[in-house]
N, C-alpha and C. Protein backbone atom coordinates (compact mmCIF):
# COMPACT_ATOMS: atom_id res chain seq x y z
N MET A 1 -7.57 -20.56 -5.29
CA MET A 1 -6.38 -20.22 -4.55
C MET A 1 -5.13 -20.43 -5.40
N ALA A 2 -5.19 -21.26 -6.41
CA ALA A 2 -4.03 -21.52 -7.24
C ALA A 2 -3.63 -20.28 -8.02
N THR A 3 -4.60 -19.47 -8.42
CA THR A 3 -4.25 -18.27 -9.17
C THR A 3 -3.55 -17.25 -8.29
N ALA A 4 -3.92 -17.17 -7.00
CA ALA A 4 -3.25 -16.23 -6.11
C ALA A 4 -1.80 -16.63 -5.91
N SER A 5 -1.55 -17.92 -5.74
CA SER A 5 -0.19 -18.39 -5.55
C SER A 5 0.65 -18.16 -6.80
N SER A 6 0.06 -18.44 -7.96
CA SER A 6 0.80 -18.25 -9.20
C SER A 6 1.01 -16.76 -9.47
N SER A 7 0.10 -15.92 -9.01
CA SER A 7 0.26 -14.49 -9.19
C SER A 7 1.43 -13.96 -8.37
N SER A 8 1.50 -14.35 -7.11
CA SER A 8 2.62 -13.89 -6.29
C SER A 8 3.93 -14.53 -6.76
N SER A 9 3.87 -15.77 -7.29
CA SER A 9 5.07 -16.40 -7.84
C SER A 9 5.56 -15.64 -9.06
N GLY A 10 4.62 -15.15 -9.86
CA GLY A 10 5.00 -14.36 -11.03
C GLY A 10 5.64 -13.04 -10.64
N ILE A 11 5.11 -12.43 -9.60
CA ILE A 11 5.71 -11.18 -9.13
C ILE A 11 7.09 -11.44 -8.55
N PHE A 12 7.22 -12.53 -7.77
CA PHE A 12 8.51 -12.91 -7.21
C PHE A 12 9.53 -13.14 -8.32
N ALA A 13 9.13 -13.89 -9.34
CA ALA A 13 10.03 -14.16 -10.46
C ALA A 13 10.42 -12.87 -11.17
N SER A 14 9.47 -11.97 -11.36
CA SER A 14 9.77 -10.70 -12.03
C SER A 14 10.78 -9.87 -11.24
N ILE A 15 10.56 -9.78 -9.93
CA ILE A 15 11.48 -9.01 -9.08
C ILE A 15 12.86 -9.65 -9.10
N CYS A 16 12.91 -10.98 -8.96
CA CYS A 16 14.20 -11.67 -8.98
C CYS A 16 14.92 -11.47 -10.31
N LEU A 17 14.20 -11.60 -11.40
CA LEU A 17 14.83 -11.43 -12.72
C LEU A 17 15.32 -10.00 -12.93
N LEU A 18 14.56 -9.02 -12.46
CA LEU A 18 14.99 -7.64 -12.56
C LEU A 18 16.26 -7.41 -11.74
N HIS A 19 16.26 -7.89 -10.50
CA HIS A 19 17.44 -7.73 -9.66
C HIS A 19 18.62 -8.52 -10.22
N ALA A 20 18.35 -9.69 -10.79
CA ALA A 20 19.41 -10.50 -11.39
C ALA A 20 20.05 -9.78 -12.56
N ALA A 21 19.23 -9.17 -13.40
CA ALA A 21 19.76 -8.44 -14.55
C ALA A 21 20.63 -7.27 -14.10
N VAL A 22 20.17 -6.54 -13.09
CA VAL A 22 20.94 -5.41 -12.58
C VAL A 22 22.26 -5.89 -11.98
N ALA A 23 22.21 -6.92 -11.14
CA ALA A 23 23.41 -7.42 -10.48
C ALA A 23 24.41 -7.99 -11.49
N ALA A 24 23.94 -8.81 -12.41
CA ALA A 24 24.84 -9.42 -13.39
C ALA A 24 25.46 -8.36 -14.31
N THR A 25 24.66 -7.40 -14.73
CA THR A 25 25.18 -6.34 -15.60
C THR A 25 26.21 -5.48 -14.88
N CYS A 26 25.89 -5.06 -13.68
CA CYS A 26 26.83 -4.24 -12.90
C CYS A 26 28.10 -5.02 -12.59
N GLY A 27 27.96 -6.29 -12.25
CA GLY A 27 29.13 -7.12 -11.97
C GLY A 27 30.02 -7.28 -13.18
N ALA A 28 29.43 -7.54 -14.34
CA ALA A 28 30.22 -7.68 -15.56
C ALA A 28 30.91 -6.37 -15.92
N LEU A 29 30.21 -5.27 -15.77
CA LEU A 29 30.82 -3.97 -16.06
C LEU A 29 31.97 -3.67 -15.09
N MET A 30 31.80 -4.04 -13.82
CA MET A 30 32.87 -3.83 -12.85
C MET A 30 34.10 -4.67 -13.19
N MET A 31 33.88 -5.88 -13.68
CA MET A 31 35.02 -6.75 -14.00
C MET A 31 35.79 -6.26 -15.22
N PHE A 32 35.08 -5.80 -16.24
CA PHE A 32 35.73 -5.55 -17.52
C PHE A 32 35.88 -4.07 -17.88
N TYR A 33 35.07 -3.20 -17.32
CA TYR A 33 35.12 -1.78 -17.65
C TYR A 33 35.15 -0.93 -16.39
N LEU A 34 36.02 -1.27 -15.46
CA LEU A 34 36.05 -0.62 -14.15
C LEU A 34 36.29 0.88 -14.25
N ASN A 35 37.29 1.29 -15.01
CA ASN A 35 37.63 2.72 -15.09
C ASN A 35 36.49 3.53 -15.71
N GLU A 36 35.90 3.00 -16.77
CA GLU A 36 34.82 3.72 -17.44
C GLU A 36 33.59 3.85 -16.54
N ILE A 37 33.26 2.77 -15.83
CA ILE A 37 32.10 2.79 -14.93
C ILE A 37 32.36 3.72 -13.75
N ALA A 38 33.59 3.74 -13.25
CA ALA A 38 33.94 4.65 -12.14
C ALA A 38 33.79 6.10 -12.59
N GLU A 39 34.18 6.40 -13.82
CA GLU A 39 34.03 7.77 -14.32
C GLU A 39 32.56 8.16 -14.46
N VAL A 40 31.75 7.24 -14.93
CA VAL A 40 30.32 7.53 -15.07
C VAL A 40 29.68 7.69 -13.69
N GLY A 41 30.03 6.83 -12.76
CA GLY A 41 29.41 6.83 -11.44
C GLY A 41 29.89 7.93 -10.51
N HIS A 42 31.19 8.24 -10.58
CA HIS A 42 31.76 9.17 -9.62
C HIS A 42 32.31 10.46 -10.23
N GLY A 43 32.47 10.49 -11.53
CA GLY A 43 33.11 11.64 -12.17
C GLY A 43 34.57 11.34 -12.43
N ARG A 44 35.14 12.03 -13.39
CA ARG A 44 36.51 11.74 -13.84
C ARG A 44 37.54 11.96 -12.73
N GLU A 45 37.45 13.06 -12.02
CA GLU A 45 38.45 13.38 -10.99
C GLU A 45 38.41 12.40 -9.83
N THR A 46 37.22 12.11 -9.33
CA THR A 46 37.08 11.17 -8.22
C THR A 46 37.51 9.77 -8.65
N ALA A 47 37.15 9.37 -9.86
CA ALA A 47 37.54 8.04 -10.36
C ALA A 47 39.06 7.92 -10.43
N ARG A 48 39.72 8.99 -10.82
CA ARG A 48 41.19 8.97 -10.89
C ARG A 48 41.79 8.81 -9.49
N ARG A 49 41.22 9.50 -8.51
CA ARG A 49 41.72 9.38 -7.13
C ARG A 49 41.46 8.01 -6.54
N LEU A 50 40.34 7.39 -6.92
CA LEU A 50 39.99 6.08 -6.39
C LEU A 50 40.83 4.95 -6.99
N GLN A 51 41.58 5.24 -8.07
CA GLN A 51 42.40 4.22 -8.70
C GLN A 51 43.68 3.92 -7.94
N GLY A 52 44.09 4.80 -7.05
CA GLY A 52 45.33 4.60 -6.31
C GLY A 52 46.46 5.43 -6.88
N SER A 53 47.51 5.63 -6.09
CA SER A 53 48.59 6.51 -6.51
C SER A 53 49.83 5.77 -6.99
N THR A 54 50.04 4.55 -6.54
CA THR A 54 51.20 3.77 -6.98
C THR A 54 50.73 2.60 -7.82
N PRO A 55 51.63 2.06 -8.65
CA PRO A 55 51.23 0.90 -9.46
C PRO A 55 50.76 -0.29 -8.60
N HIS A 56 51.38 -0.50 -7.46
CA HIS A 56 50.96 -1.58 -6.57
C HIS A 56 49.54 -1.33 -6.06
N ASP A 57 49.27 -0.10 -5.63
CA ASP A 57 47.92 0.23 -5.17
C ASP A 57 46.89 0.07 -6.28
N GLN A 58 47.25 0.50 -7.47
CA GLN A 58 46.34 0.39 -8.59
C GLN A 58 46.01 -1.06 -8.91
N LEU A 59 47.02 -1.93 -8.89
CA LEU A 59 46.79 -3.34 -9.15
C LEU A 59 45.93 -3.97 -8.05
N LEU A 60 46.20 -3.63 -6.82
CA LEU A 60 45.44 -4.16 -5.70
C LEU A 60 43.98 -3.71 -5.76
N ILE A 61 43.76 -2.44 -6.04
CA ILE A 61 42.39 -1.91 -6.13
C ILE A 61 41.66 -2.52 -7.31
N GLN A 62 42.34 -2.63 -8.45
CA GLN A 62 41.69 -3.21 -9.63
C GLN A 62 41.34 -4.68 -9.40
N THR A 63 42.23 -5.42 -8.76
CA THR A 63 41.94 -6.82 -8.45
C THR A 63 40.77 -6.94 -7.48
N SER A 64 40.75 -6.10 -6.46
CA SER A 64 39.66 -6.11 -5.50
C SER A 64 38.34 -5.77 -6.16
N GLU A 65 38.31 -4.77 -6.98
CA GLU A 65 37.07 -4.38 -7.66
C GLU A 65 36.62 -5.45 -8.65
N SER A 66 37.56 -6.13 -9.29
CA SER A 66 37.19 -7.21 -10.21
C SER A 66 36.56 -8.37 -9.45
N PHE A 67 37.10 -8.70 -8.29
CA PHE A 67 36.49 -9.76 -7.49
C PHE A 67 35.12 -9.34 -6.96
N ALA A 68 34.98 -8.08 -6.60
CA ALA A 68 33.66 -7.59 -6.18
C ALA A 68 32.67 -7.69 -7.34
N GLY A 69 33.12 -7.39 -8.55
CA GLY A 69 32.27 -7.54 -9.72
C GLY A 69 31.91 -8.98 -9.99
N LEU A 70 32.87 -9.89 -9.78
CA LEU A 70 32.60 -11.32 -9.95
C LEU A 70 31.57 -11.79 -8.92
N LEU A 71 31.69 -11.32 -7.69
CA LEU A 71 30.72 -11.67 -6.66
C LEU A 71 29.33 -11.14 -7.03
N LEU A 72 29.28 -9.91 -7.50
CA LEU A 72 27.99 -9.34 -7.90
C LEU A 72 27.39 -10.11 -9.08
N PHE A 73 28.22 -10.52 -10.01
CA PHE A 73 27.74 -11.34 -11.13
C PHE A 73 27.21 -12.67 -10.63
N ALA A 74 27.90 -13.29 -9.68
CA ALA A 74 27.44 -14.56 -9.10
C ALA A 74 26.12 -14.38 -8.36
N ILE A 75 25.96 -13.26 -7.69
CA ILE A 75 24.69 -12.96 -7.02
C ILE A 75 23.57 -12.84 -8.06
N GLY A 76 23.88 -12.23 -9.19
CA GLY A 76 22.90 -12.14 -10.28
C GLY A 76 22.49 -13.52 -10.78
N LEU A 77 23.45 -14.43 -10.92
CA LEU A 77 23.11 -15.79 -11.34
C LEU A 77 22.28 -16.51 -10.28
N LEU A 78 22.61 -16.30 -9.02
CA LEU A 78 21.84 -16.90 -7.93
C LEU A 78 20.40 -16.39 -7.95
N LEU A 79 20.24 -15.08 -8.12
CA LEU A 79 18.89 -14.51 -8.21
C LEU A 79 18.12 -15.08 -9.40
N PHE A 80 18.82 -15.30 -10.50
CA PHE A 80 18.17 -15.89 -11.67
C PHE A 80 17.66 -17.29 -11.35
N MET A 81 18.47 -18.09 -10.64
CA MET A 81 18.04 -19.44 -10.29
C MET A 81 16.89 -19.42 -9.28
N VAL A 82 16.95 -18.53 -8.31
CA VAL A 82 15.93 -18.45 -7.27
C VAL A 82 14.59 -17.98 -7.85
N ALA A 83 14.63 -17.26 -8.95
CA ALA A 83 13.40 -16.72 -9.55
C ALA A 83 12.40 -17.81 -9.89
N PHE A 84 12.85 -19.02 -10.10
CA PHE A 84 11.96 -20.08 -10.55
C PHE A 84 11.48 -20.99 -9.41
N VAL A 85 11.80 -20.64 -8.17
CA VAL A 85 11.32 -21.41 -7.02
C VAL A 85 9.86 -21.03 -6.78
N LYS A 86 8.99 -22.02 -6.62
CA LYS A 86 7.56 -21.79 -6.48
C LYS A 86 7.04 -21.88 -5.05
N ASP A 87 7.89 -22.21 -4.10
CA ASP A 87 7.48 -22.37 -2.71
C ASP A 87 7.22 -21.01 -2.07
N ARG A 88 5.99 -20.78 -1.64
CA ARG A 88 5.59 -19.48 -1.08
C ARG A 88 6.36 -19.14 0.19
N ASP A 89 6.60 -20.13 1.05
CA ASP A 89 7.34 -19.87 2.29
C ASP A 89 8.79 -19.47 2.00
N PHE A 90 9.40 -20.15 1.03
CA PHE A 90 10.77 -19.79 0.66
C PHE A 90 10.81 -18.38 0.07
N GLN A 91 9.83 -18.05 -0.75
CA GLN A 91 9.80 -16.72 -1.35
C GLN A 91 9.73 -15.63 -0.28
N ALA A 92 8.88 -15.84 0.72
CA ALA A 92 8.77 -14.85 1.80
C ALA A 92 10.07 -14.77 2.60
N PHE A 93 10.67 -15.92 2.89
CA PHE A 93 11.95 -15.95 3.60
C PHE A 93 13.03 -15.23 2.81
N PHE A 94 13.10 -15.51 1.52
CA PHE A 94 14.10 -14.90 0.66
C PHE A 94 13.90 -13.39 0.57
N ALA A 95 12.66 -12.95 0.43
CA ALA A 95 12.36 -11.52 0.35
C ALA A 95 12.78 -10.80 1.64
N LYS A 96 12.50 -11.42 2.78
CA LYS A 96 12.91 -10.82 4.06
C LYS A 96 14.42 -10.73 4.16
N GLY A 97 15.13 -11.75 3.68
CA GLY A 97 16.59 -11.71 3.67
C GLY A 97 17.12 -10.60 2.77
N CYS A 98 16.49 -10.41 1.64
CA CYS A 98 16.91 -9.34 0.72
C CYS A 98 16.66 -7.96 1.33
N ILE A 99 15.55 -7.82 2.04
CA ILE A 99 15.27 -6.56 2.71
C ILE A 99 16.36 -6.27 3.75
N LEU A 100 16.72 -7.29 4.53
CA LEU A 100 17.79 -7.09 5.52
C LEU A 100 19.12 -6.76 4.86
N LEU A 101 19.41 -7.40 3.76
CA LEU A 101 20.66 -7.13 3.04
C LEU A 101 20.71 -5.68 2.54
N HIS A 102 19.62 -5.22 1.93
CA HIS A 102 19.58 -3.84 1.43
C HIS A 102 19.60 -2.84 2.59
N ALA A 103 18.96 -3.17 3.70
CA ALA A 103 18.99 -2.29 4.87
C ALA A 103 20.41 -2.21 5.44
N ALA A 104 21.11 -3.33 5.45
CA ALA A 104 22.51 -3.33 5.93
C ALA A 104 23.38 -2.48 5.02
N MET A 105 23.16 -2.56 3.71
CA MET A 105 23.93 -1.73 2.78
C MET A 105 23.62 -0.25 3.01
N ALA A 106 22.36 0.08 3.25
CA ALA A 106 21.99 1.47 3.52
C ALA A 106 22.66 1.97 4.79
N LEU A 107 22.66 1.15 5.83
CA LEU A 107 23.33 1.55 7.07
C LEU A 107 24.83 1.72 6.86
N TRP A 108 25.43 0.83 6.08
CA TRP A 108 26.85 0.95 5.76
C TRP A 108 27.13 2.30 5.09
N ARG A 109 26.30 2.66 4.15
CA ARG A 109 26.50 3.94 3.45
C ARG A 109 26.35 5.12 4.40
N VAL A 110 25.36 5.07 5.29
CA VAL A 110 25.11 6.18 6.21
C VAL A 110 26.25 6.33 7.22
N PHE A 111 26.70 5.23 7.77
CA PHE A 111 27.68 5.31 8.86
C PHE A 111 29.13 5.30 8.41
N PHE A 112 29.44 4.78 7.20
CA PHE A 112 30.84 4.68 6.80
C PHE A 112 31.16 5.41 5.50
N GLU A 113 30.40 5.16 4.44
CA GLU A 113 30.74 5.74 3.15
C GLU A 113 30.64 7.26 3.15
N ARG A 114 29.72 7.81 3.90
CA ARG A 114 29.58 9.27 3.90
C ARG A 114 30.78 9.95 4.53
N ARG A 115 31.56 9.22 5.32
CA ARG A 115 32.76 9.78 5.95
C ARG A 115 33.97 9.80 5.03
N LEU A 116 33.90 9.07 3.92
CA LEU A 116 35.00 9.06 2.97
C LEU A 116 34.89 10.29 2.07
N GLU A 117 35.92 11.05 2.07
CA GLU A 117 35.90 12.33 1.35
C GLU A 117 35.59 12.16 -0.13
N ASP A 118 36.20 11.16 -0.77
CA ASP A 118 36.00 10.97 -2.20
C ASP A 118 34.61 10.46 -2.56
N LEU A 119 33.93 9.80 -1.62
CA LEU A 119 32.61 9.24 -1.90
C LEU A 119 31.48 10.01 -1.23
N ALA A 120 31.79 11.11 -0.57
CA ALA A 120 30.81 11.83 0.24
C ALA A 120 29.64 12.36 -0.59
N ARG A 121 29.88 12.71 -1.83
CA ARG A 121 28.77 13.25 -2.64
C ARG A 121 27.94 12.16 -3.31
N ASP A 122 28.42 10.91 -3.30
CA ASP A 122 27.71 9.82 -3.98
C ASP A 122 26.79 9.02 -3.07
N TRP A 123 27.03 9.03 -1.78
CA TRP A 123 26.29 8.13 -0.90
C TRP A 123 24.79 8.41 -0.85
N PRO A 124 24.30 9.65 -0.94
CA PRO A 124 22.84 9.83 -0.90
C PRO A 124 22.13 9.17 -2.09
N ARG A 125 22.73 9.27 -3.25
CA ARG A 125 22.14 8.65 -4.45
C ARG A 125 22.14 7.13 -4.32
N GLN A 126 23.23 6.58 -3.80
CA GLN A 126 23.31 5.13 -3.62
C GLN A 126 22.37 4.66 -2.50
N LEU A 127 22.18 5.49 -1.50
CA LEU A 127 21.25 5.17 -0.42
C LEU A 127 19.82 5.07 -0.97
N VAL A 128 19.46 5.99 -1.84
CA VAL A 128 18.13 5.94 -2.47
C VAL A 128 17.99 4.66 -3.28
N GLY A 129 19.04 4.27 -3.99
CA GLY A 129 19.00 3.02 -4.75
C GLY A 129 18.79 1.81 -3.86
N ASP A 130 19.50 1.77 -2.72
CA ASP A 130 19.31 0.67 -1.77
C ASP A 130 17.87 0.63 -1.26
N LEU A 131 17.33 1.78 -0.95
CA LEU A 131 15.97 1.84 -0.42
C LEU A 131 14.93 1.43 -1.47
N VAL A 132 15.15 1.82 -2.72
CA VAL A 132 14.22 1.43 -3.79
C VAL A 132 14.27 -0.08 -4.03
N LEU A 133 15.48 -0.65 -4.05
CA LEU A 133 15.59 -2.09 -4.23
C LEU A 133 14.94 -2.84 -3.07
N SER A 134 15.12 -2.34 -1.87
CA SER A 134 14.48 -2.94 -0.70
C SER A 134 12.97 -2.80 -0.78
N LEU A 135 12.50 -1.66 -1.25
CA LEU A 135 11.07 -1.42 -1.35
C LEU A 135 10.39 -2.41 -2.29
N SER A 136 11.09 -2.84 -3.34
CA SER A 136 10.48 -3.81 -4.24
C SER A 136 10.18 -5.12 -3.51
N TRP A 137 11.06 -5.53 -2.61
CA TRP A 137 10.82 -6.75 -1.82
C TRP A 137 9.72 -6.52 -0.79
N VAL A 138 9.68 -5.34 -0.19
CA VAL A 138 8.61 -5.03 0.77
C VAL A 138 7.26 -5.08 0.08
N LEU A 139 7.18 -4.50 -1.10
CA LEU A 139 5.92 -4.53 -1.84
C LEU A 139 5.50 -5.95 -2.20
N PHE A 140 6.48 -6.79 -2.54
CA PHE A 140 6.16 -8.20 -2.79
C PHE A 140 5.58 -8.85 -1.55
N LEU A 141 6.20 -8.62 -0.39
CA LEU A 141 5.68 -9.21 0.86
C LEU A 141 4.28 -8.71 1.18
N VAL A 142 4.04 -7.42 0.99
CA VAL A 142 2.71 -6.87 1.25
C VAL A 142 1.69 -7.51 0.31
N TYR A 143 2.06 -7.64 -0.96
CA TYR A 143 1.15 -8.24 -1.93
C TYR A 143 0.87 -9.70 -1.58
N SER A 144 1.91 -10.45 -1.22
CA SER A 144 1.69 -11.86 -0.90
C SER A 144 0.92 -12.03 0.41
N TRP A 145 1.12 -11.15 1.38
CA TRP A 145 0.35 -11.20 2.62
C TRP A 145 -1.12 -10.86 2.36
N ARG A 146 -1.33 -9.90 1.49
CA ARG A 146 -2.70 -9.51 1.16
C ARG A 146 -3.42 -10.68 0.52
N GLU A 147 -2.74 -11.40 -0.39
CA GLU A 147 -3.35 -12.57 -1.02
C GLU A 147 -3.61 -13.68 0.00
N LYS A 148 -2.68 -13.83 0.93
CA LYS A 148 -2.79 -14.91 1.91
C LYS A 148 -3.97 -14.69 2.86
N TYR A 149 -4.21 -13.44 3.25
CA TYR A 149 -5.23 -13.18 4.25
C TYR A 149 -6.55 -12.66 3.69
N ASP A 150 -6.69 -12.58 2.38
CA ASP A 150 -7.97 -12.19 1.79
C ASP A 150 -8.88 -13.37 1.61
């Protein structure tokens, strides 16, 4: 039984480290290269419109996006720390929480982001990303349940 537990712990650690790398990288890019990342993600014209029209708006938006990037970077560090937890019950609890978080983000995109004219063409792609990230946690839960009940 020890190999089954260590196997699911290894999968949990791998998923956490992958998500941590994505979150920390995206957060750092948002903090330091906001305009360039916005152009890559949304296109040059949309990125220009999302920057704001007045200097005050631009500063407010840039500050807000930098703090969002800092939060995302902190989430990446948290995921990195959680990756090394070996408690099976905590892993299942954490995975379920991550599934709920990604589902909430998907619902946010469906009900709110799609209504924003400047982001209307981006939300389907981001929705797929939310669903794929959530699916990784679902697959972990299925794998750990299969090990538990076999």
